[in-house]
Every structure is written in C-alpha cells, then in structure tokens.
Amino acid sequence: MLSARNIAALGFMTFAMYLGAGNLIFPPFLGYQAGDNFMSGMMGFLLTGVGLPALALVMVALVKGSDNLTAALPKPLATAFWVMVFIVIGPAFVIPRAITVAYQFSFAPFLGDNSALVPFSIAFCLIVVLFSLFPGKLVDTVGKWLTPALLAILAVMAVFAFLFPMGKVEMATGPYVNGAFAEGLTQGYMTMDALGSIGFGWVIFRAIKSMGVDCPRATAKYTLMAAAMYAAAMAAVYLSLAYIGTNSANLGAEFTNGGEILTAFTNLHFGAFGTMLLGVVMVLACLTTAIGVTTAGSEFYSRTFSKVTYSKSVWVTMILAGM
C-alpha cells in the first residue's frame, strides 16, 4: 500500500506529464477572446482538455494497462497503432514544439534571436535523456521536485491575477461571440492530451510498479487516484490562466497568442524578473512533458521489439526530436 506522500507524488508526476507548452498558452488566449463568454468557453475547454484525457486514463486503469486497449486487434495492427501514437506525441511533434517554446520564453527574450537555439536544444535533449534513463525514479524526480516547483510559480501568478486584476472583462470576440462552447471544445482537444493519456498509461503503471506495487487491482486503483489528482490540478491551472486572459484586453496591446499575454502579465507585475519567471515555468513544463512522452515511447518499444533496449530507444527518440 502506498503512503499518502507517494500517492501525492504520483499525482504530481501525472499532472506534470500533461502540462506542456500548449497547456499554458491556449487558456490565456481563450480568456482573452472569450471575454464575457468566458465560462461558456471554459466549460467546453475543460470538457475536452481535462475530461477526455482523464476519461482515457480511467479506461487505461479499467483494462489494467495501455497495451490492453488494443488487445482485441491483430498484433501487427496494434503495434502499428502504438508506433504511430508515440511518433506523433514524441519526436514528430510534441518534443520539437516543447524545445522551441522553451527556448522562445527563456533565452530568446534576452538574446533577441535564435542564435543559441542549437546549443539550447542539445542541452534540453540531454536533460530529458538524463531523467528518462531512470524511469523508476520519475516519481521522485518529477513528482516530488519539478512539479511542486512548477505549481508554486503558477500559484504565485494566480494569486496576483486574482488580487490585482488588470481591468474589466471585455466583450467576446472572434468565434467566441456566438460559439464559445464549441470553440472551447475545439481548443481543449487541440492540446492533444487525450491522445497522450493512452501513452502515459505505460509510464504510470511502471512508476507504480517501481514503488513496490505488483497487484493489478491496486495498480488500477492508484492510476484512478492519479487521474483524479491530475484533473483537479489541471482544471485549477486552466481556470487561473484563462482568468489572466480575460483581463488582458486592458493592457493596450493586440495579442495574437497566449504566450504574448503571459509575457505582458508577468512584465506588468514582476518587471524583468517576470520574464525570467515565465521562462522557468515554460522550461519546466516543456521538460516534464518531454520526459513523459520519451519514457512512454521507450517503454513501449523495449517491451514490443526484442532487439530494442530501453536506453537505446531514449537516445534515438531525443536525437530525432533534436533534429
């Protein structure tokens, strides 16, 4: 039986794997465009951005493992499905985006260009490799250290947003004027977290096993608890970030994405330190997501293909992503 501390760490690790670049950028822009239709838009966003991923994780728990989701399919078809999933949420899309976004919010504001993108990408990939090579310690490294630090910074931003609002809520614009709920549904789905859930099941099950739990029923129970913790924490983060966006129309700028809104918000409240603070948030968020998808994919490849080792898969994934 896991202790309350380990259960909390498992929940934090699960939450961290989902909280990537898009999860931080989409909500503020939704709030900015939705304006007085904020709640309607957020209901749609939370349904597909949190509800679907949580439901997918519940299904993984009920069938006792991600691999059992495709047990009824012919083996070649099931293998092809998982390979495509891990390519999409790994080196083909999610990890390269994480590297680029992390750089744009950390070093680019100070350098003014992409001159350091290559060395930054190499360093980013090496850090991901370092954490991913020890999947049994993910709960300790990500769940007990990286995620609490990330949540602490986000909590500070949320407190400032609620205590010192930047102005009144404006009228809805764009697709949120007459279709806020539908647009929220679309934007929530675009986080790709629903697809990530079926892959993250591999990581969560291994993490639980590394803590000494071998009973399938107990593993499923702890996975459900992790899903509930993830859903609650992510919903709170989304609502806080979207609230920042609803008040940002009074900053005197025409924003084109959520990243610009967060930059303006942190600069207003924290000055130059705010730029550094936002950079730390983005780097931590992108790192935890990259670690999660790399670990999930490598776990699958090493279990499915006899000649592919876990460590080799980690290195190949990050080399492809870095290219």
C-alpha atoms as a PDB file:
ATOM      1  CA  MET A   1       0.000   0.000   0.000  1.00  0.00           C
ATOM      2  CA  LEU A   2       1.365   3.398  -0.982  1.00  0.00           C
ATOM      3  CA  SER A   3       1.760   6.188   1.541  1.00  0.00           C
ATOM      4  CA  ALA A   4      -0.129   9.456   1.143  1.00  0.00           C
ATOM      5  CA  ARG A   5       3.159  11.146   0.209  1.00  0.00           C
ATOM      6  CA  ASN A   6       3.833   8.651  -2.588  1.00  0.00           C
ATOM      7  CA  ILE A   7       0.268   8.911  -3.869  1.00  0.00           C
ATOM      8  CA  ALA A   8       0.604  12.697  -3.984  1.00  0.00           C
ATOM      9  CA  ALA A   9       3.934  12.386  -5.806  1.00  0.00           C
ATOM     10  CA  LEU A  10       2.346  10.007  -8.327  1.00  0.00           C
ATOM     11  CA  GLY A  11      -0.446  12.509  -8.924  1.00  0.00           C
ATOM     12  CA  PHE A  12       2.056  15.341  -9.348  1.00  0.00           C
ATOM     13  CA  MET A  13       4.076  13.277 -11.822  1.00  0.00           C
ATOM     14  CA  THR A  14       0.932  12.521 -13.831  1.00  0.00           C
ATOM     15  CA  PHE A  15      -0.070  16.185 -13.850  1.00  0.00           C
ATOM     16  CA  ALA A  16       3.426  17.263 -14.939  1.00  0.00           C
ATOM     17  CA  MET A  17       3.458  14.961 -17.953  1.00  0.00           C
ATOM     18  CA  TYR A  18       0.344  16.687 -19.294  1.00  0.00           C
ATOM     19  CA  LEU A  19       1.327  20.273 -18.524  1.00  0.00           C
ATOM     20  CA  GLY A  20       3.245  21.223 -21.658  1.00  0.00           C
ATOM     21  CA  ALA A  21       3.678  24.356 -23.732  1.00  0.00           C
ATOM     22  CA  GLY A  22       0.238  24.272 -25.341  1.00  0.00           C
ATOM     23  CA  ASN A  23      -1.465  23.784 -21.995  1.00  0.00           C
ATOM     24  CA  LEU A  24      -0.002  27.073 -20.775  1.00  0.00           C
ATOM     25  CA  ILE A  25      -0.598  29.057 -23.965  1.00  0.00           C
ATOM     26  CA  PHE A  26      -4.133  28.045 -25.000  1.00  0.00           C
ATOM     27  CA  PRO A  27      -6.111  29.088 -21.849  1.00  0.00           C
ATOM     28  CA  PRO A  28      -4.964  32.758 -21.656  1.00  0.00           C
ATOM     29  CA  PHE A  29      -5.827  33.315 -25.308  1.00  0.00           C
ATOM     30  CA  LEU A  30      -9.189  31.636 -24.785  1.00  0.00           C
ATOM     31  CA  GLY A  31      -9.914  34.001 -21.908  1.00  0.00           C
ATOM     32  CA  TYR A  32      -8.741  36.966 -23.979  1.00  0.00           C
ATOM     33  CA  GLN A  33     -11.042  36.151 -26.904  1.00  0.00           C
ATOM     34  CA  ALA A  34     -13.982  34.762 -24.913  1.00  0.00           C
ATOM     35  CA  GLY A  35     -14.323  37.837 -22.694  1.00  0.00           C
ATOM     36  CA  ASP A  36     -17.784  37.883 -21.146  1.00  0.00           C
ATOM     37  CA  ASN A  37     -18.427  34.405 -22.601  1.00  0.00           C
ATOM     38  CA  PHE A  38     -15.530  33.112 -20.500  1.00  0.00           C
ATOM     39  CA  MET A  39     -17.458  30.463 -18.558  1.00  0.00           C
ATOM     40  CA  SER A  40     -19.126  29.008 -21.641  1.00  0.00           C
ATOM     41  CA  GLY A  41     -15.808  28.748 -23.468  1.00  0.00           C
ATOM     42  CA  MET A  42     -14.045  27.258 -20.447  1.00  0.00           C
ATOM     43  CA  MET A  43     -16.755  24.636 -19.974  1.00  0.00           C
ATOM     44  CA  GLY A  44     -16.044  23.366 -23.469  1.00  0.00           C
ATOM     45  CA  PHE A  45     -12.293  23.617 -22.987  1.00  0.00           C
ATOM     46  CA  LEU A  46     -12.333  21.703 -19.703  1.00  0.00           C
ATOM     47  CA  LEU A  47     -14.561  19.009 -21.188  1.00  0.00           C
ATOM     48  CA  THR A  48     -12.075  18.064 -23.913  1.00  0.00           C
ATOM     49  CA  GLY A  49      -8.874  19.435 -22.362  1.00  0.00           C
ATOM     50  CA  VAL A  50      -9.310  17.734 -18.978  1.00  0.00           C
ATOM     51  CA  GLY A  51     -12.372  15.475 -19.164  1.00  0.00           C
ATOM     52  CA  LEU A  52     -11.311  13.450 -22.210  1.00  0.00           C
ATOM     53  CA  PRO A  53      -7.716  12.861 -21.025  1.00  0.00           C
ATOM     54  CA  ALA A  54      -8.939  11.894 -17.552  1.00  0.00           C
ATOM     55  CA  LEU A  55     -11.532   9.543 -19.064  1.00  0.00           C
ATOM     56  CA  ALA A  56      -8.850   7.964 -21.271  1.00  0.00           C
ATOM     57  CA  LEU A  57      -6.681   7.425 -18.203  1.00  0.00           C
ATOM     58  CA  VAL A  58      -9.642   5.839 -16.416  1.00  0.00           C
ATOM     59  CA  MET A  59     -10.060   3.443 -19.338  1.00  0.00           C
ATOM     60  CA  VAL A  60      -6.364   2.551 -19.121  1.00  0.00           C
ATOM     61  CA  ALA A  61      -6.859   1.749 -15.438  1.00  0.00           C
ATOM     62  CA  LEU A  62     -10.008  -0.315 -16.055  1.00  0.00           C
ATOM     63  CA  VAL A  63      -8.335  -2.510 -18.695  1.00  0.00           C
ATOM     64  CA  LYS A  64      -5.227  -2.724 -16.471  1.00  0.00           C
ATOM     65  CA  GLY A  65      -2.669  -1.225 -18.834  1.00  0.00           C
ATOM     66  CA  SER A  66      -2.347   0.769 -22.036  1.00  0.00           C
ATOM     67  CA  ASP A  67      -1.305  -2.292 -24.023  1.00  0.00           C
ATOM     68  CA  ASN A  68      -4.633  -3.968 -23.216  1.00  0.00           C
ATOM     69  CA  LEU A  69      -6.507  -1.190 -25.025  1.00  0.00           C
ATOM     70  CA  THR A  70      -5.523  -2.793 -28.333  1.00  0.00           C
ATOM     71  CA  ALA A  71      -5.569  -6.428 -27.179  1.00  0.00           C
ATOM     72  CA  ALA A  72      -8.522  -7.253 -29.466  1.00  0.00           C
ATOM     73  CA  LEU A  73      -6.701  -6.028 -32.575  1.00  0.00           C
ATOM     74  CA  PRO A  74      -4.421  -8.198 -34.717  1.00  0.00           C
ATOM     75  CA  LYS A  75      -0.904  -7.850 -33.330  1.00  0.00           C
ATOM     76  CA  PRO A  76       0.591  -6.131 -36.423  1.00  0.00           C
ATOM     77  CA  LEU A  77      -2.224  -3.581 -36.452  1.00  0.00           C
ATOM     78  CA  ALA A  78      -1.941  -2.955 -32.709  1.00  0.00           C
ATOM     79  CA  THR A  79       1.814  -2.487 -32.996  1.00  0.00           C
ATOM     80  CA  ALA A  80       1.422  -0.087 -35.924  1.00  0.00           C
ATOM     81  CA  PHE A  81      -1.133   1.917 -33.939  1.00  0.00           C
ATOM     82  CA  TRP A  82       1.171   2.354 -30.952  1.00  0.00           C
ATOM     83  CA  VAL A  83       4.168   3.200 -33.117  1.00  0.00           C
ATOM     84  CA  MET A  84       2.157   5.960 -34.799  1.00  0.00           C
ATOM     85  CA  VAL A  85       0.927   7.273 -31.431  1.00  0.00           C
ATOM     86  CA  PHE A  86       4.413   7.506 -29.967  1.00  0.00           C
ATOM     87  CA  ILE A  87       5.838   9.079 -33.108  1.00  0.00           C
ATOM     88  CA  VAL A  88       3.156  11.787 -33.041  1.00  0.00           C
ATOM     89  CA  ILE A  89       3.388  12.559 -29.317  1.00  0.00           C
ATOM     90  CA  GLY A  90       7.154  12.173 -29.380  1.00  0.00           C
ATOM     91  CA  PRO A  91       9.842  13.134 -31.911  1.00  0.00           C
ATOM     92  CA  ALA A  92       7.500  14.173 -34.731  1.00  0.00           C
ATOM     93  CA  PHE A  93       5.537  16.886 -32.977  1.00  0.00           C
ATOM     94  CA  VAL A  94       5.344  17.275 -29.196  1.00  0.00           C
ATOM     95  CA  ILE A  95       9.036  17.207 -28.248  1.00  0.00           C
ATOM     96  CA  PRO A  96      10.254  19.555 -31.041  1.00  0.00           C
ATOM     97  CA  ARG A  97       7.476  22.001 -30.118  1.00  0.00           C
ATOM     98  CA  ALA A  98       8.478  21.758 -26.459  1.00  0.00           C
ATOM     99  CA  ILE A  99      12.102  22.592 -27.299  1.00  0.00           C
ATOM    100  CA  THR A 100      11.150  25.571 -29.459  1.00  0.00           C
ATOM    101  CA  VAL A 101       8.652  27.027 -26.994  1.00  0.00           C
ATOM    102  CA  ALA A 102      11.019  26.567 -24.052  1.00  0.00           C
ATOM    103  CA  TYR A 103      13.709  28.489 -25.932  1.00  0.00           C
ATOM    104  CA  GLN A 104      11.365  31.261 -27.058  1.00  0.00           C
ATOM    105  CA  PHE A 105      10.391  32.002 -23.458  1.00  0.00           C
ATOM    106  CA  SER A 106      13.763  31.510 -21.783  1.00  0.00           C
ATOM    107  CA  PHE A 107      16.709  32.669 -23.891  1.00  0.00           C
ATOM    108  CA  ALA A 108      15.109  34.391 -26.898  1.00  0.00           C
ATOM    109  CA  PRO A 109      13.772  37.391 -24.881  1.00  0.00           C
ATOM    110  CA  PHE A 110      17.304  38.195 -23.727  1.00  0.00           C
ATOM    111  CA  LEU A 111      19.204  37.357 -26.922  1.00  0.00           C
ATOM    112  CA  GLY A 112      16.619  38.697 -29.358  1.00  0.00           C
ATOM    113  CA  ASP A 113      17.158  35.904 -31.897  1.00  0.00           C
ATOM    114  CA  ASN A 114      17.618  32.149 -32.332  1.00  0.00           C
ATOM    115  CA  SER A 115      21.418  32.218 -32.211  1.00  0.00           C
ATOM    116  CA  ALA A 116      21.528  29.912 -29.182  1.00  0.00           C
ATOM    117  CA  LEU A 117      18.755  27.549 -30.276  1.00  0.00           C
ATOM    118  CA  VAL A 118      21.120  24.735 -31.299  1.00  0.00           C
ATOM    119  CA  PRO A 119      23.114  24.572 -28.034  1.00  0.00           C
ATOM    120  CA  PHE A 120      19.874  25.020 -26.079  1.00  0.00           C
ATOM    121  CA  SER A 121      18.271  22.120 -27.980  1.00  0.00           C
ATOM    122  CA  ILE A 122      21.263  19.891 -27.249  1.00  0.00           C
ATOM    123  CA  ALA A 123      21.191  20.773 -23.548  1.00  0.00           C
ATOM    124  CA  PHE A 124      17.409  20.272 -23.391  1.00  0.00           C
ATOM    125  CA  CYS A 125      17.629  16.848 -25.027  1.00  0.00           C
ATOM    126  CA  LEU A 126      20.462  15.742 -22.735  1.00  0.00           C
ATOM    127  CA  ILE A 127      18.466  16.723 -19.650  1.00  0.00           C
ATOM    128  CA  VAL A 128      15.466  14.758 -20.937  1.00  0.00           C
ATOM    129  CA  VAL A 129      17.724  11.757 -21.576  1.00  0.00           C
ATOM    130  CA  LEU A 130      19.196  12.035 -18.072  1.00  0.00           C
ATOM    131  CA  PHE A 131      15.767  11.874 -16.438  1.00  0.00           C
ATOM    132  CA  SER A 132      14.271   9.351 -18.876  1.00  0.00           C
ATOM    133  CA  LEU A 133      17.065   6.797 -18.447  1.00  0.00           C
ATOM    134  CA  PHE A 134      15.887   6.197 -14.895  1.00  0.00           C
ATOM    135  CA  PRO A 135      12.113   5.672 -15.241  1.00  0.00           C
ATOM    136  CA  GLY A 136      11.907   4.047 -11.826  1.00  0.00           C
ATOM    137  CA  LYS A 137      12.861   7.375 -10.254  1.00  0.00           C
ATOM    138  CA  LEU A 138      10.386   9.538 -12.158  1.00  0.00           C
ATOM    139  CA  VAL A 139       8.071   9.810  -9.160  1.00  0.00           C
ATOM    140  CA  ASP A 140      10.946  11.091  -7.020  1.00  0.00           C
ATOM    141  CA  THR A 141      12.436  13.481  -9.585  1.00  0.00           C
ATOM    142  CA  VAL A 142       9.344  14.797 -11.343  1.00  0.00           C
ATOM    143  CA  GLY A 143       6.605  14.195  -8.782  1.00  0.00           C
ATOM    144  CA  LYS A 144       8.480  15.343  -5.680  1.00  0.00           C
ATOM    145  CA  TRP A 145      10.691  18.122  -7.067  1.00  0.00           C
ATOM    146  CA  LEU A 146       9.964  19.507 -10.537  1.00  0.00           C
ATOM    147  CA  THR A 147       6.173  19.597 -10.288  1.00  0.00           C
ATOM    148  CA  PRO A 148       5.947  21.271  -6.854  1.00  0.00           C
ATOM    149  CA  ALA A 149       8.347  23.963  -8.085  1.00  0.00           C
ATOM    150  CA  LEU A 150       6.252  24.483 -11.208  1.00  0.00           C
ATOM    151  CA  LEU A 151       2.992  24.607  -9.264  1.00  0.00           C
ATOM    152  CA  ALA A 152       4.446  27.061  -6.742  1.00  0.00           C
ATOM    153  CA  ILE A 153       5.320  29.533  -9.500  1.00  0.00           C
ATOM    154  CA  LEU A 154       1.926  29.118 -11.171  1.00  0.00           C
ATOM    155  CA  ALA A 155       0.233  29.635  -7.803  1.00  0.00           C
ATOM    156  CA  VAL A 156       2.059  32.945  -7.333  1.00  0.00           C
ATOM    157  CA  MET A 157       0.905  34.073 -10.783  1.00  0.00           C
ATOM    158  CA  ALA A 158      -2.675  33.026  -9.999  1.00  0.00           C
ATOM    159  CA  VAL A 159      -2.685  34.954  -6.710  1.00  0.00           C
ATOM    160  CA  PHE A 160      -1.507  38.121  -8.450  1.00  0.00           C
ATOM    161  CA  ALA A 161      -4.115  37.642 -11.184  1.00  0.00           C
ATOM    162  CA  PHE A 162      -6.982  37.450  -8.687  1.00  0.00           C
ATOM    163  CA  LEU A 163      -5.725  40.087  -6.231  1.00  0.00           C
ATOM    164  CA  PHE A 164      -4.623  42.602  -8.842  1.00  0.00           C
ATOM    165  CA  PRO A 165      -6.886  42.261 -11.912  1.00  0.00           C
ATOM    166  CA  MET A 166      -5.678  44.221 -14.911  1.00  0.00           C
ATOM    167  CA  GLY A 167      -9.081  45.654 -15.793  1.00  0.00           C
ATOM    168  CA  LYS A 168     -12.669  44.789 -16.582  1.00  0.00           C
ATOM    169  CA  VAL A 169     -13.777  41.887 -18.730  1.00  0.00           C
ATOM    170  CA  GLU A 170     -14.374  42.893 -22.348  1.00  0.00           C
ATOM    171  CA  MET A 171     -16.906  41.636 -24.885  1.00  0.00           C
ATOM    172  CA  ALA A 172     -16.278  38.314 -26.619  1.00  0.00           C
ATOM    173  CA  THR A 173     -14.518  38.403 -29.984  1.00  0.00           C
ATOM    174  CA  GLY A 174     -13.997  36.080 -32.934  1.00  0.00           C
ATOM    175  CA  PRO A 175     -15.521  32.601 -32.750  1.00  0.00           C
ATOM    176  CA  TYR A 176     -16.416  33.099 -29.079  1.00  0.00           C
ATOM    177  CA  VAL A 177     -19.170  35.617 -29.872  1.00  0.00           C
ATOM    178  CA  ASN A 178     -21.765  33.046 -30.917  1.00  0.00           C
ATOM    179  CA  GLY A 179     -19.993  29.719 -30.424  1.00  0.00           C
ATOM    180  CA  ALA A 180     -17.924  29.972 -27.245  1.00  0.00           C
ATOM    181  CA  PHE A 181     -18.686  26.447 -26.034  1.00  0.00           C
ATOM    182  CA  ALA A 182     -17.934  24.820 -29.406  1.00  0.00           C
ATOM    183  CA  GLU A 183     -14.697  26.776 -29.808  1.00  0.00           C
ATOM    184  CA  GLY A 184     -13.705  25.804 -26.276  1.00  0.00           C
ATOM    185  CA  LEU A 185     -14.274  22.160 -27.167  1.00  0.00           C
ATOM    186  CA  THR A 186     -12.003  22.523 -30.193  1.00  0.00           C
ATOM    187  CA  GLN A 187      -9.214  24.309 -28.327  1.00  0.00           C
ATOM    188  CA  GLY A 188      -9.283  21.784 -25.493  1.00  0.00           C
ATOM    189  CA  TYR A 189      -8.944  18.925 -27.950  1.00  0.00           C
ATOM    190  CA  MET A 190      -6.016  20.688 -29.634  1.00  0.00           C
ATOM    191  CA  THR A 191      -3.899  20.211 -26.510  1.00  0.00           C
ATOM    192  CA  MET A 192      -3.576  16.571 -27.707  1.00  0.00           C
ATOM    193  CA  ASP A 193      -3.787  15.381 -24.102  1.00  0.00           C
ATOM    194  CA  ALA A 194      -6.481  12.822 -24.901  1.00  0.00           C
ATOM    195  CA  LEU A 195      -4.029  11.077 -27.224  1.00  0.00           C
ATOM    196  CA  GLY A 196      -1.248  11.456 -24.685  1.00  0.00           C
ATOM    197  CA  SER A 197      -3.294   9.701 -21.992  1.00  0.00           C
ATOM    198  CA  ILE A 198      -3.205   6.306 -23.634  1.00  0.00           C
ATOM    199  CA  GLY A 199       0.561   6.618 -23.950  1.00  0.00           C
ATOM    200  CA  PHE A 200       1.157   7.933 -20.439  1.00  0.00           C
ATOM    201  CA  GLY A 201      -0.515   4.827 -19.060  1.00  0.00           C
ATOM    202  CA  TRP A 202       2.723   2.955 -19.752  1.00  0.00           C
ATOM    203  CA  VAL A 203       4.671   5.398 -17.575  1.00  0.00           C
ATOM    204  CA  ILE A 204       2.165   5.491 -14.722  1.00  0.00           C
ATOM    205  CA  PHE A 205       1.924   1.706 -14.472  1.00  0.00           C
ATOM    206  CA  ARG A 206       5.713   1.379 -14.441  1.00  0.00           C
ATOM    207  CA  ALA A 207       6.038   4.131 -11.834  1.00  0.00           C
ATOM    208  CA  ILE A 208       3.546   2.359  -9.562  1.00  0.00           C
ATOM    209  CA  LYS A 209       5.391  -0.922 -10.015  1.00  0.00           C
ATOM    210  CA  SER A 210       8.699   0.774  -9.128  1.00  0.00           C
ATOM    211  CA  MET A 211       7.147   1.703  -5.768  1.00  0.00           C
ATOM    212  CA  GLY A 212       6.606  -1.974  -4.942  1.00  0.00           C
ATOM    213  CA  VAL A 213       3.009  -2.468  -6.111  1.00  0.00           C
ATOM    214  CA  ASP A 214       2.525  -5.642  -8.189  1.00  0.00           C
ATOM    215  CA  CYS A 215      -1.203  -6.256  -7.721  1.00  0.00           C
ATOM    216  CA  PRO A 216      -3.118  -5.321 -10.925  1.00  0.00           C
ATOM    217  CA  ARG A 217      -6.153  -4.226  -8.931  1.00  0.00           C
ATOM    218  CA  ALA A 218      -4.088  -1.961  -6.678  1.00  0.00           C
ATOM    219  CA  THR A 219      -2.262  -0.554  -9.703  1.00  0.00           C
ATOM    220  CA  ALA A 220      -5.588   0.303 -11.329  1.00  0.00           C
ATOM    221  CA  LYS A 221      -6.784   1.951  -8.098  1.00  0.00           C
ATOM    222  CA  TYR A 222      -3.692   4.155  -7.830  1.00  0.00           C
ATOM    223  CA  THR A 223      -3.971   5.054 -11.514  1.00  0.00           C
ATOM    224  CA  LEU A 224      -7.543   6.240 -10.924  1.00  0.00           C
ATOM    225  CA  MET A 225      -6.352   8.320  -7.975  1.00  0.00           C
ATOM    226  CA  ALA A 226      -3.606   9.845 -10.117  1.00  0.00           C
ATOM    227  CA  ALA A 227      -6.177  10.655 -12.813  1.00  0.00           C
ATOM    228  CA  ALA A 228      -8.404  12.421 -10.279  1.00  0.00           C
ATOM    229  CA  MET A 229      -5.488  14.467  -8.919  1.00  0.00           C
ATOM    230  CA  TYR A 230      -4.391  15.381 -12.435  1.00  0.00           C
ATOM    231  CA  ALA A 231      -7.903  16.504 -13.404  1.00  0.00           C
ATOM    232  CA  ALA A 232      -8.346  18.692 -10.324  1.00  0.00           C
ATOM    233  CA  ALA A 233      -4.924  20.335 -10.598  1.00  0.00           C
ATOM    234  CA  MET A 234      -5.134  20.881 -14.354  1.00  0.00           C
ATOM    235  CA  ALA A 235      -8.619  22.388 -14.153  1.00  0.00           C
ATOM    236  CA  ALA A 236      -7.401  24.839 -11.498  1.00  0.00           C
ATOM    237  CA  VAL A 237      -4.400  25.831 -13.624  1.00  0.00           C
ATOM    238  CA  TYR A 238      -6.535  26.267 -16.754  1.00  0.00           C
ATOM    239  CA  LEU A 239      -9.068  28.450 -14.955  1.00  0.00           C
ATOM    240  CA  SER A 240      -6.332  30.637 -13.462  1.00  0.00           C
ATOM    241  CA  LEU A 241      -4.553  31.098 -16.788  1.00  0.00           C
ATOM    242  CA  ALA A 242      -7.799  31.798 -18.626  1.00  0.00           C
ATOM    243  CA  TYR A 243      -8.731  34.383 -15.997  1.00  0.00           C
ATOM    244  CA  ILE A 244      -5.461  36.180 -16.719  1.00  0.00           C
ATOM    245  CA  GLY A 245      -6.540  36.330 -20.352  1.00  0.00           C
ATOM    246  CA  THR A 246      -9.975  37.783 -19.611  1.00  0.00           C
ATOM    247  CA  ASN A 247      -8.379  40.864 -18.042  1.00  0.00           C
ATOM    248  CA  SER A 248      -5.571  41.311 -20.558  1.00  0.00           C
ATOM    249  CA  ALA A 249      -7.527  43.374 -23.100  1.00  0.00           C
ATOM    250  CA  ASN A 250      -6.786  46.433 -20.963  1.00  0.00           C
ATOM    251  CA  LEU A 251      -3.015  46.163 -21.400  1.00  0.00           C
ATOM    252  CA  GLY A 252      -3.215  48.240 -24.567  1.00  0.00           C
ATOM    253  CA  ALA A 253      -1.937  45.586 -26.955  1.00  0.00           C
ATOM    254  CA  GLU A 254      -3.474  43.373 -29.631  1.00  0.00           C
ATOM    255  CA  PHE A 255      -2.452  39.856 -28.661  1.00  0.00           C
ATOM    256  CA  THR A 256      -2.169  37.015 -31.158  1.00  0.00           C
ATOM    257  CA  ASN A 257      -1.459  34.121 -28.772  1.00  0.00           C
ATOM    258  CA  GLY A 258      -1.438  33.165 -25.114  1.00  0.00           C
ATOM    259  CA  GLY A 259       2.323  33.430 -24.846  1.00  0.00           C
ATOM    260  CA  GLU A 260       2.177  37.164 -25.528  1.00  0.00           C
ATOM    261  CA  ILE A 261      -0.493  37.557 -22.843  1.00  0.00           C
ATOM    262  CA  LEU A 262       1.558  35.734 -20.214  1.00  0.00           C
ATOM    263  CA  THR A 263       4.630  37.781 -21.122  1.00  0.00           C
ATOM    264  CA  ALA A 264       2.696  41.037 -20.727  1.00  0.00           C
ATOM    265  CA  PHE A 265       1.188  39.841 -17.442  1.00  0.00           C
ATOM    266  CA  THR A 266       4.497  38.831 -15.858  1.00  0.00           C
ATOM    267  CA  ASN A 267       6.215  42.012 -17.059  1.00  0.00           C
ATOM    268  CA  LEU A 268       3.430  44.135 -15.567  1.00  0.00           C
ATOM    269  CA  HIS A 269       3.558  42.516 -12.142  1.00  0.00           C
ATOM    270  CA  PHE A 270       7.190  41.443 -11.839  1.00  0.00           C
ATOM    271  CA  GLY A 271       9.144  43.535 -14.342  1.00  0.00           C
ATOM    272  CA  ALA A 272      12.299  41.995 -15.835  1.00  0.00           C
ATOM    273  CA  PHE A 273      12.158  39.279 -13.190  1.00  0.00           C
ATOM    274  CA  GLY A 274       8.793  38.293 -14.648  1.00  0.00           C
ATOM    275  CA  THR A 275      10.420  37.386 -17.952  1.00  0.00           C
ATOM    276  CA  MET A 276      12.800  35.073 -16.119  1.00  0.00           C
ATOM    277  CA  LEU A 277       9.939  33.652 -14.045  1.00  0.00           C
ATOM    278  CA  LEU A 278       7.885  32.850 -17.133  1.00  0.00           C
ATOM    279  CA  GLY A 279      10.955  31.326 -18.763  1.00  0.00           C
ATOM    280  CA  VAL A 280      11.434  28.985 -15.804  1.00  0.00           C
ATOM    281  CA  VAL A 281       7.761  27.968 -15.934  1.00  0.00           C
ATOM    282  CA  MET A 282       7.915  27.202 -19.646  1.00  0.00           C
ATOM    283  CA  VAL A 283      11.183  25.266 -19.431  1.00  0.00           C
ATOM    284  CA  LEU A 284       9.938  23.146 -16.515  1.00  0.00           C
ATOM    285  CA  ALA A 285       6.600  22.478 -18.229  1.00  0.00           C
ATOM    286  CA  CYS A 286       8.239  21.520 -21.508  1.00  0.00           C
ATOM    287  CA  LEU A 287      10.837  19.337 -19.772  1.00  0.00           C
ATOM    288  CA  THR A 288       8.293  17.322 -17.806  1.00  0.00           C
ATOM    289  CA  THR A 289       6.166  16.710 -20.896  1.00  0.00           C
ATOM    290  CA  ALA A 290       9.180  15.698 -22.998  1.00  0.00           C
ATOM    291  CA  ILE A 291      10.328  13.336 -20.248  1.00  0.00           C
ATOM    292  CA  GLY A 292       6.861  11.805 -20.069  1.00  0.00           C
ATOM    293  CA  VAL A 293       6.422  11.107 -23.784  1.00  0.00           C
ATOM    294  CA  THR A 294      10.022   9.899 -24.164  1.00  0.00           C
ATOM    295  CA  THR A 295       9.649   7.479 -21.263  1.00  0.00           C
ATOM    296  CA  ALA A 296       6.279   6.226 -22.509  1.00  0.00           C
ATOM    297  CA  GLY A 297       7.518   5.599 -26.036  1.00  0.00           C
ATOM    298  CA  SER A 298      10.734   3.941 -24.898  1.00  0.00           C
ATOM    299  CA  GLU A 299       8.830   1.690 -22.516  1.00  0.00           C
ATOM    300  CA  PHE A 300       6.634   0.539 -25.410  1.00  0.00           C
ATOM    301  CA  TYR A 301       9.494  -0.015 -27.873  1.00  0.00           C
ATOM    302  CA  SER A 302      11.593  -2.003 -25.390  1.00  0.00           C
ATOM    303  CA  ARG A 303       8.651  -4.262 -24.492  1.00  0.00           C
ATOM    304  CA  THR A 304       7.474  -4.768 -28.076  1.00  0.00           C
ATOM    305  CA  PHE A 305      10.706  -5.194 -30.037  1.00  0.00           C
ATOM    306  CA  SER A 306      13.193  -7.673 -28.566  1.00  0.00           C
ATOM    307  CA  LYS A 307      16.240  -6.052 -30.171  1.00  0.00           C
ATOM    308  CA  VAL A 308      15.399  -2.552 -28.945  1.00  0.00           C
ATOM    309  CA  THR A 309      16.630  -1.698 -25.462  1.00  0.00           C
ATOM    310  CA  TYR A 310      15.028   0.981 -23.325  1.00  0.00           C
ATOM    311  CA  SER A 311      18.132   3.172 -23.206  1.00  0.00           C
ATOM    312  CA  LYS A 312      18.688   2.908 -26.950  1.00  0.00           C
ATOM    313  CA  SER A 313      15.104   3.986 -27.586  1.00  0.00           C
ATOM    314  CA  VAL A 314      15.526   7.018 -25.307  1.00  0.00           C
ATOM    315  CA  TRP A 315      18.624   8.163 -27.186  1.00  0.00           C
ATOM    316  CA  VAL A 316      17.100   7.604 -30.647  1.00  0.00           C
ATOM    317  CA  THR A 317      13.908   9.456 -29.680  1.00  0.00           C
ATOM    318  CA  MET A 318      15.803  12.517 -28.477  1.00  0.00           C
ATOM    319  CA  ILE A 319      18.209  12.536 -31.426  1.00  0.00           C
ATOM    320  CA  LEU A 320      15.262  12.505 -33.846  1.00  0.00           C
ATOM    321  CA  ALA A 321      13.438  15.171 -31.838  1.00  0.00           C
ATOM    322  CA  GLY A 322      16.520  17.392 -31.691  1.00  0.00           C
ATOM    323  CA  MET A 323      16.957  17.255 -35.446  1.00  0.00           C
END
